[in-house]
Amino acid sequence: MKTLKPLPLFAILLLTGPGLTQADTAADEDPRQALFRERREIEHISHHERIRILQQADACIAQAENRRAYRQCEQQEQAARKALRQRLRPRLQALRERVRALRAERRARSGQPTG
């Protein structure tokens, strides 16, 4: 059986360095890129959920045997879309506020009037 030799400190730092560098980079990241990633994530969730809602509605409509059942499928679809909007609204509002704050900060740094 092979025995492991202790690694010098600099070797350990070299091995763990990329992880530390990524954490430091995240803190120094361009705020616009972070905002873009957040918006992309929200849109990804929205698209995935809307597809799911449409698939459920399609299955419901396919099984509907009369106008009343069909109408119930439509109402369920509408309620699901509304629930999705309500669930995502706080994240979208927070994102918009962060965008406004970033724009105001950039205007203040450039000396442009706010408004």
N, C-alpha and C. Protein backbone atom coordinates (compact mmCIF):
# COMPACT_ATOMS: atom_id res chain seq x y z
N MET A 1 0.83 -1.17 0.00
CA MET A 1 0.00 0.00 0.00
C MET A 1 0.88 1.24 0.00
N LYS A 2 0.49 2.20 -0.79
CA LYS A 2 1.26 3.42 -0.93
C LYS A 2 0.90 4.39 0.19
N THR A 3 1.92 5.03 0.77
CA THR A 3 1.64 6.03 1.81
C THR A 3 1.58 7.41 1.17
N LEU A 4 0.70 8.22 1.68
CA LEU A 4 0.56 9.58 1.17
C LEU A 4 1.53 10.50 1.88
N LYS A 5 2.19 11.32 1.12
CA LYS A 5 3.10 12.30 1.69
C LYS A 5 2.33 13.58 1.93
N PRO A 6 2.64 14.29 2.99
CA PRO A 6 1.96 15.55 3.23
C PRO A 6 2.30 16.56 2.13
N LEU A 7 1.30 17.27 1.70
CA LEU A 7 1.51 18.29 0.67
C LEU A 7 1.96 19.59 1.31
N PRO A 8 2.88 20.27 0.69
CA PRO A 8 3.27 21.59 1.19
C PRO A 8 2.08 22.55 1.08
N LEU A 9 2.11 23.58 1.87
CA LEU A 9 1.01 24.54 1.92
C LEU A 9 0.74 25.16 0.56
N PHE A 10 1.79 25.51 -0.18
CA PHE A 10 1.56 26.14 -1.49
C PHE A 10 0.84 25.19 -2.45
N ALA A 11 1.09 23.88 -2.33
CA ALA A 11 0.40 22.90 -3.19
C ALA A 11 -1.08 22.86 -2.85
N ILE A 12 -1.40 22.93 -1.57
CA ILE A 12 -2.80 22.95 -1.15
C ILE A 12 -3.48 24.21 -1.68
N LEU A 13 -2.78 25.33 -1.59
CA LEU A 13 -3.35 26.58 -2.10
C LEU A 13 -3.56 26.52 -3.60
N LEU A 14 -2.63 25.89 -4.30
CA LEU A 14 -2.79 25.76 -5.75
C LEU A 14 -4.00 24.89 -6.10
N LEU A 15 -4.20 23.84 -5.31
CA LEU A 15 -5.32 22.94 -5.58
C LEU A 15 -6.67 23.59 -5.25
N THR A 16 -6.70 24.41 -4.21
CA THR A 16 -7.96 25.04 -3.81
C THR A 16 -8.11 26.43 -4.38
N GLY A 17 -7.09 26.94 -5.00
CA GLY A 17 -7.10 28.30 -5.54
C GLY A 17 -8.26 28.63 -6.45
N PRO A 18 -8.56 27.80 -7.45
CA PRO A 18 -9.67 28.13 -8.34
C PRO A 18 -10.99 28.35 -7.61
N GLY A 19 -11.27 27.57 -6.59
CA GLY A 19 -12.50 27.77 -5.82
C GLY A 19 -12.52 29.11 -5.11
N LEU A 20 -11.39 29.48 -4.55
CA LEU A 20 -11.30 30.77 -3.88
C LEU A 20 -11.40 31.91 -4.89
N THR A 21 -10.78 31.73 -6.02
CA THR A 21 -10.82 32.76 -7.06
C THR A 21 -12.24 32.97 -7.56
N GLN A 22 -12.99 31.90 -7.74
CA GLN A 22 -14.36 32.03 -8.20
C GLN A 22 -15.21 32.78 -7.19
N ALA A 23 -15.02 32.53 -5.91
CA ALA A 23 -15.78 33.25 -4.90
C ALA A 23 -15.44 34.73 -4.92
N ASP A 24 -14.14 35.04 -5.06
CA ASP A 24 -13.74 36.44 -5.14
C ASP A 24 -14.30 37.10 -6.39
N THR A 25 -14.30 36.38 -7.50
CA THR A 25 -14.80 36.92 -8.75
C THR A 25 -16.29 37.21 -8.65
N ALA A 26 -17.04 36.35 -7.97
CA ALA A 26 -18.48 36.56 -7.84
C ALA A 26 -18.76 37.87 -7.11
N ALA A 27 -17.93 38.19 -6.11
CA ALA A 27 -18.13 39.44 -5.37
C ALA A 27 -17.80 40.65 -6.24
N ASP A 28 -16.82 40.50 -7.13
CA ASP A 28 -16.39 41.61 -7.98
C ASP A 28 -17.10 41.62 -9.33
N GLU A 29 -18.08 40.76 -9.50
CA GLU A 29 -18.74 40.59 -10.79
C GLU A 29 -19.44 41.87 -11.25
N ASP A 30 -19.51 42.04 -12.56
CA ASP A 30 -20.24 43.15 -13.15
C ASP A 30 -21.71 43.03 -12.75
N PRO A 31 -22.27 44.05 -12.11
CA PRO A 31 -23.67 43.96 -11.67
C PRO A 31 -24.64 43.72 -12.82
N ARG A 32 -24.31 44.23 -14.00
CA ARG A 32 -25.20 44.01 -15.15
C ARG A 32 -25.27 42.53 -15.50
N GLN A 33 -24.16 41.84 -15.38
CA GLN A 33 -24.14 40.40 -15.68
C GLN A 33 -24.97 39.64 -14.65
N ALA A 34 -24.88 40.03 -13.39
CA ALA A 34 -25.68 39.38 -12.36
C ALA A 34 -27.17 39.62 -12.60
N LEU A 35 -27.51 40.84 -13.01
CA LEU A 35 -28.91 41.16 -13.30
C LEU A 35 -29.40 40.35 -14.50
N PHE A 36 -28.56 40.22 -15.51
CA PHE A 36 -28.92 39.42 -16.68
C PHE A 36 -29.18 37.97 -16.28
N ARG A 37 -28.28 37.41 -15.47
CA ARG A 37 -28.45 36.01 -15.06
C ARG A 37 -29.74 35.82 -14.26
N GLU A 38 -30.06 36.78 -13.41
CA GLU A 38 -31.30 36.70 -12.63
C GLU A 38 -32.51 36.75 -13.57
N ARG A 39 -32.50 37.67 -14.54
CA ARG A 39 -33.62 37.76 -15.49
C ARG A 39 -33.74 36.48 -16.31
N ARG A 40 -32.61 35.94 -16.74
CA ARG A 40 -32.62 34.70 -17.51
C ARG A 40 -33.20 33.56 -16.69
N GLU A 41 -32.87 33.49 -15.42
CA GLU A 41 -33.39 32.45 -14.54
C GLU A 41 -34.91 32.59 -14.38
N ILE A 42 -35.38 33.81 -14.19
CA ILE A 42 -36.82 34.04 -14.06
C ILE A 42 -37.53 33.62 -15.34
N GLU A 43 -36.99 34.00 -16.48
CA GLU A 43 -37.60 33.64 -17.77
C GLU A 43 -37.59 32.13 -17.99
N HIS A 44 -36.52 31.48 -17.58
CA HIS A 44 -36.44 30.02 -17.70
C HIS A 44 -37.56 29.36 -16.90
N ILE A 45 -37.73 29.80 -15.67
CA ILE A 45 -38.80 29.27 -14.82
C ILE A 45 -40.15 29.54 -15.46
N SER A 46 -40.35 30.76 -15.92
CA SER A 46 -41.62 31.14 -16.54
C SER A 46 -41.93 30.28 -17.76
N HIS A 47 -40.97 30.11 -18.64
CA HIS A 47 -41.19 29.30 -19.84
C HIS A 47 -41.50 27.85 -19.48
N HIS A 48 -40.73 27.29 -18.58
CA HIS A 48 -40.93 25.90 -18.18
C HIS A 48 -42.33 25.72 -17.59
N GLU A 49 -42.72 26.62 -16.72
CA GLU A 49 -44.03 26.52 -16.08
C GLU A 49 -45.17 26.74 -17.07
N ARG A 50 -45.01 27.68 -18.00
CA ARG A 50 -46.07 27.89 -19.00
C ARG A 50 -46.23 26.68 -19.90
N ILE A 51 -45.13 26.03 -20.24
CA ILE A 51 -45.21 24.80 -21.02
C ILE A 51 -45.98 23.74 -20.24
N ARG A 52 -45.66 23.61 -18.95
CA ARG A 52 -46.35 22.63 -18.11
C ARG A 52 -47.84 22.93 -18.05
N ILE A 53 -48.19 24.20 -17.88
CA ILE A 53 -49.59 24.61 -17.81
C ILE A 53 -50.31 24.26 -19.12
N LEU A 54 -49.67 24.56 -20.24
CA LEU A 54 -50.28 24.25 -21.54
C LEU A 54 -50.45 22.75 -21.74
N GLN A 55 -49.48 21.97 -21.32
CA GLN A 55 -49.60 20.52 -21.46
C GLN A 55 -50.75 19.98 -20.61
N GLN A 56 -50.88 20.50 -19.40
CA GLN A 56 -51.99 20.07 -18.54
C GLN A 56 -53.33 20.48 -19.15
N ALA A 57 -53.39 21.70 -19.67
CA ALA A 57 -54.63 22.18 -20.28
C ALA A 57 -54.97 21.33 -21.51
N ASP A 58 -53.97 21.00 -22.30
CA ASP A 58 -54.19 20.19 -23.49
C ASP A 58 -54.75 18.82 -23.11
N ALA A 59 -54.16 18.20 -22.10
CA ALA A 59 -54.65 16.89 -21.65
C ALA A 59 -56.08 17.00 -21.12
N CYS A 60 -56.36 18.05 -20.39
CA CYS A 60 -57.70 18.26 -19.84
C CYS A 60 -58.71 18.44 -20.97
N ILE A 61 -58.37 19.27 -21.94
CA ILE A 61 -59.27 19.54 -23.07
C ILE A 61 -59.51 18.26 -23.88
N ALA A 62 -58.47 17.46 -24.04
CA ALA A 62 -58.60 16.21 -24.79
C ALA A 62 -59.58 15.26 -24.11
N GLN A 63 -59.67 15.34 -22.79
CA GLN A 63 -60.57 14.46 -22.04
C GLN A 63 -61.96 15.06 -21.86
N ALA A 64 -62.11 16.34 -22.15
CA ALA A 64 -63.41 17.00 -21.97
C ALA A 64 -64.44 16.40 -22.91
N GLU A 65 -65.59 16.08 -22.36
CA GLU A 65 -66.64 15.45 -23.16
C GLU A 65 -67.79 16.39 -23.48
N ASN A 66 -67.78 17.58 -22.87
CA ASN A 66 -68.84 18.54 -23.16
C ASN A 66 -68.32 19.95 -22.93
N ARG A 67 -69.14 20.91 -23.26
CA ARG A 67 -68.75 22.32 -23.16
C ARG A 67 -68.40 22.71 -21.72
N ARG A 68 -69.15 22.20 -20.78
CA ARG A 68 -68.90 22.52 -19.37
C ARG A 68 -67.51 22.04 -18.94
N ALA A 69 -67.15 20.84 -19.29
CA ALA A 69 -65.83 20.29 -18.95
C ALA A 69 -64.73 21.08 -19.65
N TYR A 70 -64.99 21.43 -20.91
CA TYR A 70 -64.02 22.24 -21.66
C TYR A 70 -63.80 23.58 -20.96
N ARG A 71 -64.89 24.22 -20.58
CA ARG A 71 -64.81 25.53 -19.91
C ARG A 71 -64.04 25.41 -18.59
N GLN A 72 -64.24 24.33 -17.89
CA GLN A 72 -63.52 24.12 -16.63
C GLN A 72 -62.01 24.00 -16.89
N CYS A 73 -61.64 23.34 -17.97
CA CYS A 73 -60.22 23.23 -18.34
C CYS A 73 -59.64 24.62 -18.60
N GLU A 74 -60.38 25.44 -19.33
CA GLU A 74 -59.94 26.80 -19.63
C GLU A 74 -59.78 27.62 -18.35
N GLN A 75 -60.70 27.46 -17.42
CA GLN A 75 -60.61 28.20 -16.16
C GLN A 75 -59.42 27.74 -15.33
N GLN A 76 -59.16 26.45 -15.33
CA GLN A 76 -57.99 25.93 -14.60
C GLN A 76 -56.70 26.47 -15.21
N GLU A 77 -56.65 26.52 -16.53
CA GLU A 77 -55.47 27.05 -17.21
C GLU A 77 -55.27 28.52 -16.85
N GLN A 78 -56.34 29.28 -16.89
CA GLN A 78 -56.26 30.71 -16.56
C GLN A 78 -55.80 30.90 -15.11
N ALA A 79 -56.33 30.11 -14.20
CA ALA A 79 -55.94 30.21 -12.79
C ALA A 79 -54.46 29.85 -12.61
N ALA A 80 -54.00 28.85 -13.32
CA ALA A 80 -52.59 28.44 -13.21
C ALA A 80 -51.67 29.53 -13.73
N ARG A 81 -52.05 30.17 -14.84
CA ARG A 81 -51.23 31.27 -15.38
C ARG A 81 -51.19 32.44 -14.40
N LYS A 82 -52.33 32.74 -13.81
CA LYS A 82 -52.40 33.84 -12.84
C LYS A 82 -51.53 33.52 -11.62
N ALA A 83 -51.59 32.30 -11.13
CA ALA A 83 -50.78 31.89 -9.98
C ALA A 83 -49.29 32.00 -10.30
N LEU A 84 -48.92 31.61 -11.51
CA LEU A 84 -47.51 31.73 -11.92
C LEU A 84 -47.07 33.18 -11.92
N ARG A 85 -47.89 34.06 -12.49
CA ARG A 85 -47.54 35.49 -12.50
C ARG A 85 -47.38 36.02 -11.08
N GLN A 86 -48.30 35.65 -10.21
CA GLN A 86 -48.22 36.12 -8.82
C GLN A 86 -46.99 35.57 -8.12
N ARG A 87 -46.62 34.34 -8.43
CA ARG A 87 -45.44 33.74 -7.81
C ARG A 87 -44.15 34.40 -8.28
N LEU A 88 -44.09 34.79 -9.55
CA LEU A 88 -42.87 35.39 -10.09
C LEU A 88 -42.80 36.90 -9.88
N ARG A 89 -43.94 37.54 -9.63
CA ARG A 89 -43.99 39.00 -9.51
C ARG A 89 -42.99 39.56 -8.49
N PRO A 90 -42.87 39.02 -7.28
CA PRO A 90 -41.90 39.60 -6.33
C PRO A 90 -40.46 39.57 -6.85
N ARG A 91 -40.08 38.49 -7.51
CA ARG A 91 -38.72 38.41 -8.06
C ARG A 91 -38.52 39.44 -9.17
N LEU A 92 -39.53 39.60 -10.03
CA LEU A 92 -39.43 40.58 -11.12
C LEU A 92 -39.37 42.00 -10.57
N GLN A 93 -40.19 42.28 -9.55
CA GLN A 93 -40.17 43.62 -8.95
C GLN A 93 -38.83 43.91 -8.31
N ALA A 94 -38.29 42.94 -7.60
CA ALA A 94 -36.97 43.13 -6.97
C ALA A 94 -35.90 43.35 -8.03
N LEU A 95 -35.99 42.61 -9.12
CA LEU A 95 -35.03 42.78 -10.21
C LEU A 95 -35.14 44.17 -10.82
N ARG A 96 -36.37 44.63 -11.06
CA ARG A 96 -36.56 45.98 -11.62
C ARG A 96 -35.99 47.05 -10.69
N GLU A 97 -36.19 46.87 -9.39
CA GLU A 97 -35.65 47.84 -8.42
C GLU A 97 -34.12 47.85 -8.47
N ARG A 98 -33.52 46.68 -8.59
CA ARG A 98 -32.06 46.61 -8.68
C ARG A 98 -31.56 47.27 -9.96
N VAL A 99 -32.29 47.10 -11.06
CA VAL A 99 -31.91 47.75 -12.33
C VAL A 99 -32.00 49.25 -12.18
N ARG A 100 -33.10 49.75 -11.58
CA ARG A 100 -33.26 51.20 -11.37
C ARG A 100 -32.14 51.75 -10.49
N ALA A 101 -31.81 51.03 -9.44
CA ALA A 101 -30.75 51.48 -8.53
C ALA A 101 -29.41 51.52 -9.26
N LEU A 102 -29.14 50.52 -10.08
CA LEU A 102 -27.88 50.50 -10.83
C LEU A 102 -27.82 51.67 -11.80
N ARG A 103 -28.92 51.95 -12.49
CA ARG A 103 -28.95 53.08 -13.42
C ARG A 103 -28.75 54.40 -12.68
N ALA A 104 -29.41 54.56 -11.55
CA ALA A 104 -29.26 55.79 -10.76
C ALA A 104 -27.82 55.95 -10.29
N GLU A 105 -27.22 54.85 -9.87
CA GLU A 105 -25.82 54.89 -9.41
C GLU A 105 -24.89 55.28 -10.55
N ARG A 106 -25.13 54.73 -11.72
CA ARG A 106 -24.28 55.06 -12.88
C ARG A 106 -24.46 56.52 -13.28
N ARG A 107 -25.71 57.02 -13.23
CA ARG A 107 -25.95 58.43 -13.56
C ARG A 107 -25.25 59.33 -12.55
N ALA A 108 -25.32 58.96 -11.28
CA ALA A 108 -24.69 59.76 -10.24
C ALA A 108 -23.17 59.81 -10.44
N ARG A 109 -22.59 58.69 -10.82
CA ARG A 109 -21.14 58.65 -11.05
C ARG A 109 -20.74 59.46 -12.28
N SER A 110 -21.62 59.49 -13.27
CA SER A 110 -21.27 60.22 -14.50
C SER A 110 -21.65 61.69 -14.42
N GLY A 111 -22.36 62.08 -13.35
CA GLY A 111 -22.74 63.48 -13.18
C GLY A 111 -24.01 63.86 -13.90
N GLN A 112 -24.73 62.89 -14.46
CA GLN A 112 -25.99 63.18 -15.13
C GLN A 112 -27.09 63.39 -14.10
N PRO A 113 -28.05 64.26 -14.40
CA PRO A 113 -29.16 64.44 -13.47
C PRO A 113 -30.04 63.20 -13.44
N THR A 114 -30.61 62.92 -12.27
CA THR A 114 -31.51 61.77 -12.16
C THR A 114 -32.90 62.21 -12.54
N GLY A 115 -33.70 61.28 -12.97
CA GLY A 115 -35.08 61.65 -13.30
C GLY A 115 -35.59 60.89 -14.37
